[in-house]
Protein backbone atom coordinates (compact mmCIF):
# COMPACT_ATOMS: atom_id res chain seq x y z
CA MET A 1 -19.31 -10.54 -12.25
CA LEU A 2 -18.56 -6.32 -12.53
CA ASP A 3 -17.92 -4.59 -15.45
CA GLU A 4 -14.27 -4.81 -16.73
CA ILE A 5 -11.67 -2.43 -14.86
CA VAL A 6 -8.37 -2.31 -15.92
CA VAL A 7 -4.95 -1.21 -14.62
CA SER A 8 -3.77 0.57 -17.28
CA GLY A 9 -0.21 2.54 -14.87
CA MET A 10 1.00 2.96 -11.82
CA GLY A 11 4.05 4.07 -9.87
CA SER A 12 5.80 3.55 -6.65
CA ILE A 13 8.32 4.70 -4.37
CA SER A 14 9.59 3.20 -1.00
CA GLY A 15 12.49 1.46 0.86
CA ILE A 16 13.21 -1.06 -1.99
CA GLY A 17 12.97 1.13 -4.80
CA ASN A 18 12.80 4.77 -5.66
CA ASN A 19 10.66 3.99 -9.02
CA LEU A 20 8.84 0.91 -10.51
CA ASP A 21 12.34 -0.73 -12.11
CA GLU A 22 14.17 -0.55 -9.22
CA THR A 23 11.00 -2.08 -6.69
CA LEU A 24 10.75 -5.01 -9.70
CA GLN A 25 14.38 -5.48 -9.13
CA SER A 26 14.39 -5.64 -5.34
CA CYS A 27 11.75 -8.23 -5.06
CA LEU A 28 13.22 -10.08 -7.22
CA GLN A 29 16.42 -10.05 -5.12
CA MET A 30 14.58 -10.09 -2.02
CA LYS A 31 16.64 -6.91 -1.49
CA CYS A 32 15.16 -5.82 2.45
CA ALA A 33 15.18 -2.16 3.35
CA ILE A 34 14.40 -2.30 6.86
CA LYS A 35 18.00 -0.96 8.48
CA GLU A 36 18.32 1.85 11.41
CA LEU A 37 16.49 5.32 10.94
CA GLN A 38 17.87 7.39 8.91
CA HIS A 39 15.90 10.56 8.34
CA ILE A 40 14.19 10.83 12.02
CA LYS A 41 15.67 11.86 15.29
CA SER A 42 14.12 8.95 17.50
CA ILE A 43 15.90 7.90 21.48
CA HIS A 44 14.17 4.68 20.43
CA LYS A 45 16.65 2.21 18.14
CA LEU A 46 13.78 0.63 15.83
CA PRO A 47 14.57 -0.96 12.53
CA CYS A 48 12.77 0.74 9.97
CA ALA A 49 12.62 1.00 5.84
CA GLU A 50 12.69 4.72 4.66
CA VAL A 51 12.56 6.29 1.04
CA SER A 52 16.31 7.36 0.69
CA TYR A 53 15.70 10.43 -0.46
CA THR A 54 15.69 13.46 1.57
CA ASP A 55 13.05 15.88 1.63
CA ALA A 56 15.39 18.27 -0.33
CA GLU A 57 15.85 15.53 -2.66
CA MET A 58 13.15 14.91 -3.81
CA LYS A 59 12.12 18.89 -4.17
CA ALA A 60 14.62 18.74 -6.64
CA ILE A 61 13.50 16.19 -8.39
CA LEU A 62 9.63 17.27 -8.48
CA ASN A 63 11.23 20.92 -9.53
CA ILE A 64 10.25 22.37 -6.09
CA ALA A 65 11.29 25.40 -4.70
CA ASP A 66 13.22 24.65 -1.54
CA SER A 67 11.25 27.78 0.10
CA GLU A 68 7.81 25.70 -0.56
CA THR A 69 5.76 24.13 2.03
CA ALA A 70 5.61 20.36 1.15
CA THR A 71 5.78 17.87 3.63
CA ARG A 72 7.28 14.35 3.14
CA THR A 73 4.17 12.32 2.58
CA ALA A 74 3.11 14.75 -0.30
CA LEU A 75 6.65 15.02 -2.14
CA MET A 76 6.28 10.95 -1.96
CA GLY A 77 3.37 10.98 -3.54
CA MET A 78 4.38 13.47 -6.25
CA ILE A 79 6.83 11.42 -7.14
CA ALA A 80 4.76 8.10 -7.16
CA THR A 81 1.56 9.78 -8.83
CA GLN A 82 3.60 11.27 -11.77
CA GLU A 83 5.50 7.42 -12.47
CA ALA A 84 1.78 6.25 -12.39
CA LEU A 85 0.48 8.92 -15.14
CA ASN A 86 3.62 8.68 -17.41
CA ASN A 87 3.21 5.03 -17.14
CA ALA A 88 -0.71 5.38 -18.25
CA LYS A 89 0.10 8.23 -20.81
CA ILE A 90 -1.76 10.74 -18.79
CA THR A 91 -0.89 14.29 -19.72
CA ASN A 92 -1.73 17.20 -17.98
CA ASP A 93 -4.12 18.23 -20.58
CA SER A 94 -6.17 15.20 -20.89
CA LYS A 95 -9.77 15.97 -21.81
CA TYR A 96 -11.48 13.46 -19.53
CA ARG A 97 -12.73 13.55 -15.77
CA ILE A 98 -9.59 12.00 -13.28
CA ALA A 99 -9.82 11.24 -9.86
CA PHE A 100 -7.26 11.39 -7.29
CA LEU A 101 -7.62 9.43 -4.40
CA ASN A 102 -4.82 9.15 -1.47
CA GLY A 103 -5.07 7.25 1.30
CA THR A 104 -3.19 8.46 3.90
CA THR A 105 -3.48 8.80 8.00
CA VAL A 106 -0.72 10.67 9.23
CA GLY A 107 -0.33 13.01 6.52
CA GLY A 108 1.94 16.31 7.18
CA MET A 109 2.14 15.35 10.56
CA GLU A 110 6.12 15.18 10.88
CA LYS A 111 6.46 18.57 10.35
CA SER A 112 4.19 19.26 12.87
CA GLU A 113 6.19 17.14 15.16
CA MET A 114 9.31 19.16 14.04
CA TYR A 115 8.02 22.33 14.89
CA TYR A 116 5.92 22.27 17.48
CA PHE A 117 7.31 24.08 19.71
CA ASP A 118 7.98 27.34 16.99
CA PHE A 119 4.08 27.21 16.47
CA LEU A 120 3.84 27.87 20.21
CA GLU A 121 6.93 30.37 20.47
CA ASN A 122 7.31 31.72 17.31
CA ASP A 123 5.68 31.93 13.71
CA LYS A 124 8.67 31.10 11.77
CA PHE A 125 7.22 27.70 11.09
CA ASN A 126 3.29 28.39 10.77
CA HIS A 127 3.02 27.79 7.16
CA TYR A 128 3.41 24.16 7.99
CA ILE A 129 -0.13 24.24 10.68
CA GLU A 130 -1.82 23.87 7.44
CA ALA A 131 0.01 21.06 5.53
CA HIS A 132 -0.47 19.36 9.37
CA ASP A 133 -3.88 17.25 7.98
CA CYS A 134 -4.11 14.35 6.00
CA GLY A 135 -6.38 16.24 3.04
CA ALA A 136 -3.73 18.76 2.63
CA CYS A 137 -1.23 16.45 1.32
CA THR A 138 -3.75 15.26 -0.81
CA GLU A 139 -4.56 18.85 -2.13
CA LYS A 140 -0.60 19.09 -2.61
CA ILE A 141 0.04 16.54 -4.89
CA ALA A 142 -3.25 17.12 -6.90
CA ASP A 143 -2.28 20.52 -7.07
CA TYR A 144 0.93 19.72 -8.42
CA PHE A 145 -0.33 18.03 -11.33
CA GLY A 146 -3.78 20.60 -12.18
CA CYS A 147 -5.45 17.48 -14.17
CA PHE A 148 -7.59 16.03 -11.04
CA SER A 149 -11.43 17.24 -11.25
CA TYR A 150 -12.43 14.64 -7.78
CA VAL A 151 -10.36 14.74 -5.34
CA GLY A 152 -10.41 12.41 -2.11
CA THR A 153 -9.00 11.21 1.15
CA PRO A 154 -9.61 7.88 2.49
CA SER A 155 -8.33 7.45 6.15
CA THR A 156 -8.89 4.23 7.14
CA ALA A 157 -5.34 3.17 8.63
CA CYS A 158 -3.45 0.45 6.94
CA SER A 159 -6.15 -0.44 4.30
CA SER A 160 -6.48 2.91 3.25
CA ALA A 161 -4.97 2.58 0.07
CA ALA A 162 -6.59 -0.44 -1.05
CA ASN A 163 -9.80 1.11 -0.23
CA ALA A 164 -8.96 4.33 -2.26
CA ILE A 165 -8.44 1.75 -5.17
CA MET A 166 -11.95 -0.07 -4.30
CA LEU A 167 -13.63 3.40 -4.13
CA GLY A 168 -11.88 4.47 -7.34
CA ALA A 169 -13.78 1.40 -9.14
CA GLU A 170 -16.91 2.38 -7.84
CA LEU A 171 -16.50 5.81 -9.53
CA ILE A 172 -15.97 4.64 -12.31
CA ARG A 173 -18.54 2.20 -12.26
CA ASN A 174 -21.42 4.60 -10.96
CA GLY A 175 -20.37 7.13 -14.12
CA GLU A 176 -19.07 9.90 -11.68
CA VAL A 177 -15.64 9.84 -13.42
CA ASP A 178 -13.19 7.92 -16.23
CA ILE A 179 -9.94 7.78 -14.39
CA VAL A 180 -8.30 7.33 -11.13
CA VAL A 181 -5.42 7.35 -9.51
CA ALA A 182 -5.87 5.78 -6.55
CA GLY A 183 -3.42 4.35 -4.00
CA GLY A 184 -1.57 5.92 -0.54
CA SER A 185 1.37 7.91 0.38
CA GLU A 186 2.44 7.76 4.04
CA CYS A 187 5.73 8.64 5.78
CA ILE A 188 7.45 7.96 8.75
CA THR A 189 6.33 9.84 11.78
CA LYS A 190 7.69 9.77 15.61
CA PHE A 191 3.80 9.94 16.28
CA HIS A 192 2.87 6.45 14.68
CA LEU A 193 6.57 4.89 15.86
CA ASN A 194 5.80 5.77 19.21
CA GLY A 195 2.05 4.73 19.00
CA PHE A 196 2.87 1.45 17.72
CA ASN A 197 6.03 1.03 20.20
CA SER A 198 3.35 1.91 22.83
CA LEU A 199 1.20 -1.01 21.83
CA MET A 200 4.42 -3.23 21.97
CA ILE A 201 3.83 -4.59 18.60
CA LEU A 202 7.64 -3.15 17.19
CA ASP A 203 10.24 -5.84 16.16
CA LYS A 204 13.83 -4.51 17.38
CA GLU A 205 15.00 -7.18 14.87
CA ILE A 206 14.19 -7.34 11.18
CA CYS A 207 10.50 -8.91 11.66
CA ARG A 208 9.53 -12.46 10.13
CA PRO A 209 5.73 -12.58 9.26
CA PHE A 210 4.31 -15.93 9.51
CA ASP A 211 7.41 -16.98 11.46
CA GLU A 212 6.66 -19.04 14.92
CA THR A 213 8.94 -16.48 16.76
CA ARG A 214 7.79 -13.83 15.08
CA ALA A 215 7.63 -10.55 17.41
CA GLY A 216 6.14 -7.84 15.70
CA LEU A 217 6.34 -5.66 13.04
CA ASN A 218 8.99 -2.97 11.42
CA LEU A 219 7.76 -0.20 9.97
CA GLY A 220 8.15 1.47 6.53
CA GLU A 221 6.77 4.42 4.39
CA GLY A 222 6.38 5.42 0.69
CA ALA A 223 3.57 6.12 -2.12
CA ALA A 224 2.26 4.00 -5.11
CA TYR A 225 -0.42 4.70 -6.97
CA ILE A 226 -2.30 2.18 -9.81
CA VAL A 227 -4.44 4.09 -12.53
CA ILE A 228 -8.11 2.39 -13.27
CA GLU A 229 -10.13 2.45 -16.17
CA SER A 230 -12.80 0.99 -18.22
CA SER A 231 -11.21 -1.63 -20.62
CA LYS A 232 -13.82 0.84 -23.62
CA LEU A 233 -11.36 3.39 -22.73
CA ALA A 234 -8.39 1.99 -22.74
CA GLU A 235 -9.19 0.44 -25.84
CA LYS A 236 -9.64 3.89 -27.11
CA ARG A 237 -6.65 5.80 -25.79
CA LYS A 238 -4.81 3.01 -27.07
CA ILE A 239 -3.72 1.96 -24.10
CA LYS A 240 -2.48 -1.96 -23.67
CA PRO A 241 -3.49 -2.46 -19.75
CA LEU A 242 -1.28 -4.31 -17.09
CA CYS A 243 -4.29 -6.54 -15.91
CA LYS A 244 -7.88 -6.21 -14.56
CA LEU A 245 -8.78 -5.05 -11.15
CA SER A 246 -10.89 -7.94 -11.41
CA GLY A 247 -12.87 -7.75 -8.30
CA TYR A 248 -12.79 -6.58 -4.19
CA GLY A 249 -14.12 -6.79 -0.80
CA ASN A 250 -14.37 -5.14 2.20
CA ALA A 251 -15.54 -5.67 6.03
CA CYS A 252 -15.36 -4.46 8.87
CA ASP A 253 -15.75 -6.91 11.93
CA ALA A 254 -14.72 -4.00 14.30
CA TYR A 255 -13.53 -6.65 16.89
CA HIS A 256 -10.65 -4.53 18.94
CA GLN A 257 -9.35 -0.90 18.56
CA THR A 258 -6.12 -2.20 17.26
CA ALA A 259 -6.88 -6.11 17.43
CA SER A 260 -7.99 -8.68 14.79
CA SER A 261 -10.43 -11.37 15.42
CA PRO A 262 -8.71 -14.66 16.86
CA ASP A 263 -10.77 -16.27 13.63
CA GLY A 264 -9.91 -13.91 10.72
CA ASP A 265 -13.74 -12.86 10.31
CA GLY A 266 -13.85 -9.53 8.67
CA ALA A 267 -10.48 -11.28 6.33
CA VAL A 268 -12.69 -14.30 5.46
CA ILE A 269 -15.63 -11.94 4.56
CA ALA A 270 -13.39 -9.38 2.56
CA MET A 271 -11.53 -12.33 0.68
CA THR A 272 -14.99 -13.95 -0.17
CA ASN A 273 -16.18 -10.68 -1.11
CA ALA A 274 -13.37 -9.92 -3.28
CA LEU A 275 -13.56 -14.04 -5.45
CA GLU A 276 -17.31 -12.83 -5.70
CA THR A 277 -17.02 -9.91 -7.82
CA SER A 278 -14.48 -10.86 -9.82
CA GLY A 279 -16.39 -14.40 -10.53
CA ILE A 280 -13.82 -16.94 -9.61
CA GLU A 281 -13.24 -19.48 -6.82
CA PRO A 282 -10.91 -19.93 -4.12
CA LYS A 283 -9.18 -22.74 -6.32
CA ASP A 284 -7.99 -20.03 -8.90
CA ILE A 285 -5.91 -17.78 -6.55
CA ASP A 286 -2.59 -18.31 -7.79
CA TYR A 287 -0.56 -16.11 -5.20
CA ILE A 288 -1.88 -14.34 -1.93
CA ASN A 289 0.10 -11.04 -1.51
CA ALA A 290 -0.65 -11.42 2.48
CA HIS A 291 -1.04 -8.63 5.15
CA GLY A 292 1.19 -10.11 7.28
CA THR A 293 2.41 -7.61 9.10
CA GLY A 294 4.77 -9.62 11.52
CA THR A 295 2.70 -9.53 14.46
CA PRO A 296 1.48 -12.45 16.78
CA ASN A 297 -1.85 -11.22 16.50
CA ASN A 298 -2.27 -10.44 12.77
CA ASP A 299 -0.58 -13.29 11.37
CA GLU A 300 -2.26 -15.96 13.28
CA SER A 301 -5.38 -13.92 12.87
CA GLU A 302 -5.07 -13.59 8.68
CA GLY A 303 -3.49 -17.01 8.64
CA LYS A 304 -7.20 -18.90 10.07
CA ALA A 305 -8.63 -16.98 7.77
CA ILE A 306 -6.77 -18.18 4.76
CA ALA A 307 -7.46 -22.17 5.79
CA ARG A 308 -10.62 -20.75 6.46
CA VAL A 309 -11.46 -19.50 2.95
CA PHE A 310 -8.98 -21.81 0.53
CA LEU A 311 -9.90 -24.70 2.40
CA GLU A 312 -7.57 -27.53 1.15
CA LYS A 313 -5.85 -25.96 -1.88
CA ILE A 314 -3.78 -22.74 -0.05
CA PRO A 315 -2.29 -21.10 -2.83
CA TYR A 316 1.54 -19.21 -2.68
CA ILE A 317 1.35 -16.73 -0.16
CA SER A 318 4.08 -14.25 1.32
CA SER A 319 4.78 -11.02 3.24
CA THR A 320 6.42 -8.07 1.17
CA LYS A 321 6.50 -6.24 4.11
CA SER A 322 9.38 -8.56 5.23
CA ILE A 323 11.61 -6.38 2.52
CA THR A 324 9.41 -2.48 2.57
CA GLY A 325 8.69 -2.70 6.04
CA HIS A 326 5.02 -1.91 6.85
CA THR A 327 4.23 1.44 4.71
CA THR A 328 0.46 2.02 7.06
CA SER A 329 -2.26 3.75 4.77
CA ALA A 330 0.31 3.30 1.94
CA ALA A 331 0.33 -0.22 1.85
CA GLY A 332 -2.56 -1.44 0.06
CA GLY A 333 -0.81 0.83 -2.82
CA VAL A 334 2.41 -0.54 -2.24
CA GLU A 335 1.45 -3.84 -2.12
CA SER A 336 -0.95 -3.80 -5.27
CA VAL A 337 1.68 -2.57 -7.06
CA ILE A 338 3.92 -5.85 -6.43
CA SER A 339 1.07 -7.88 -6.97
CA ILE A 340 0.65 -6.77 -10.61
CA LEU A 341 4.77 -6.75 -11.26
CA SER A 342 4.45 -10.12 -9.54
CA LEU A 343 1.58 -11.39 -12.29
CA ASN A 344 3.56 -9.55 -15.31
CA ASN A 345 6.40 -10.89 -14.62
CA ARG A 346 5.96 -14.31 -13.84
CA PHE A 347 7.20 -14.36 -10.09
CA VAL A 348 6.31 -14.88 -6.78
CA PRO A 349 7.55 -12.61 -3.95
CA GLY A 350 9.90 -14.33 -0.89
CA ASN A 351 9.08 -14.31 2.69
CA TYR A 352 11.89 -12.67 3.99
CA ASN A 353 13.62 -13.48 6.92
CA PHE A 354 10.98 -17.00 7.62
CA LYS A 355 12.69 -20.17 9.46
CA THR A 356 9.73 -21.66 11.33
CA GLN A 357 6.39 -22.53 10.49
CA MET A 358 3.81 -21.25 13.02
CA SER A 359 2.40 -24.68 14.78
CA CYS A 360 -1.48 -23.15 14.56
CA LEU A 361 -0.96 -23.13 10.83
CA PRO A 362 -1.62 -25.91 8.06
CA PHE A 363 0.95 -23.78 5.82
CA LYS A 364 4.03 -22.07 5.14
CA PRO A 365 4.83 -18.65 3.24
CA VAL A 366 7.34 -18.98 0.20
CA SER A 367 10.53 -18.43 1.78
CA GLU A 368 12.63 -17.87 -1.26
CA VAL A 369 11.11 -15.92 -4.82
CA ILE A 370 9.79 -18.49 -7.44
CA THR A 371 10.24 -17.27 -10.82
CA ASN A 372 8.96 -18.78 -14.15
CA VAL A 373 5.60 -19.41 -12.84
CA ASP A 374 2.18 -18.75 -14.57
CA LEU A 375 -0.06 -16.37 -12.16
CA LYS A 376 -3.40 -15.68 -13.51
CA HIS A 377 -5.07 -13.99 -10.18
CA VAL A 378 -3.09 -12.69 -7.70
CA LEU A 379 -5.15 -11.55 -3.99
CA SER A 380 -3.82 -8.45 -1.99
CA ASN A 381 -4.52 -8.06 1.46
CA SER A 382 -4.60 -4.99 3.52
CA PHE A 383 -6.34 -4.83 7.01
CA GLY A 384 -6.80 -1.59 9.30
CA PHE A 385 -7.07 -0.98 12.96
CA GLY A 386 -10.64 -1.17 13.82
CA GLY A 387 -11.08 -4.14 12.21
CA ASN A 388 -11.58 -2.72 8.66
CA ASN A 389 -10.32 -5.45 6.24
CA SER A 390 -9.84 -4.82 2.83
CA SER A 391 -9.16 -7.63 -0.40
CA LEU A 392 -8.18 -6.83 -4.10
CA VAL A 393 -8.04 -9.57 -6.78
CA PHE A 394 -5.69 -8.41 -9.64
CA SER A 395 -5.97 -11.15 -13.37
CA LYS A 396 -4.15 -11.19 -15.87
CA ILE A 397 -5.72 -9.99 -19.38
């Protein structure tokens, strides 16, 4: 078992809520945010889960001038980071070494798409060129707060935020930093809307993860971060931790550029490593917040991996992407927050829109919210393109 790392704060914004309270209520009520696109003009009529705020509204909330260069990914990241810092009682004048690790892939791409022809024809919006890449978004968020001594941008597709959390734990254990704000931010862009559509893995209706009739995923957007530190530092700061980050594991099976391995080999290794580092047995996990994208390939692969790891005692399982959409690089952050909310509020989120059990799996997901249930250990899975599989274990203190 590794040295004890605790979660001392968190913050979230996504289609199901602009803060932690709204996120919790949406999970308890199984409030699905997936609907027709509002903020992106596209020829495709594909349902997605978007953050309700416009960019202008987020700038107003953050007291940022409308003329300032800030992309949607960065703005969502600022809002979630602010809540996480407040939740953990961290101020800008903190004397501790604080790292900010922001998982993202599209970065500021939505503005590059919007102003691409202007880049070619005039110089009116050239300032958005520098805001395009992933690291620029992370720097923009970090600069807004001015309290971070270490800044990084893990970019491993849909496991990015989970890997940011793992990297943060390692930085603390190696004495590089004292506190880490880790997670991810990702807005919807035409690039990945069209990209996923070209792979023929987007559902034209509301997705149904782990359903026999599943037809694909729905994209979502959002940002979410958890604040982690050693239990000793949390005690010194007089902070009551939300839970422990008791274990984590990553494995890259490199089976295919976009598809998961048929039997979930990489997922098995990631989950097994997460359990081993946490010092618990498979039977100790009470709930799995599955990657559960709703694609034919992913759900079969992940489901078979879960069956291999947990054998006869398969815990409660659900995919909250059924209400948040797939927030891609931010998913590990969004779902870590939901996992911790589940742990501390004694409920198991429902798998929205589920109807028919998959014939190739020995289990079915939780189809309705279960309340008043004692959860001690929760596993959260995040799997990215290229077979990059990551699992996190959160445990009650």
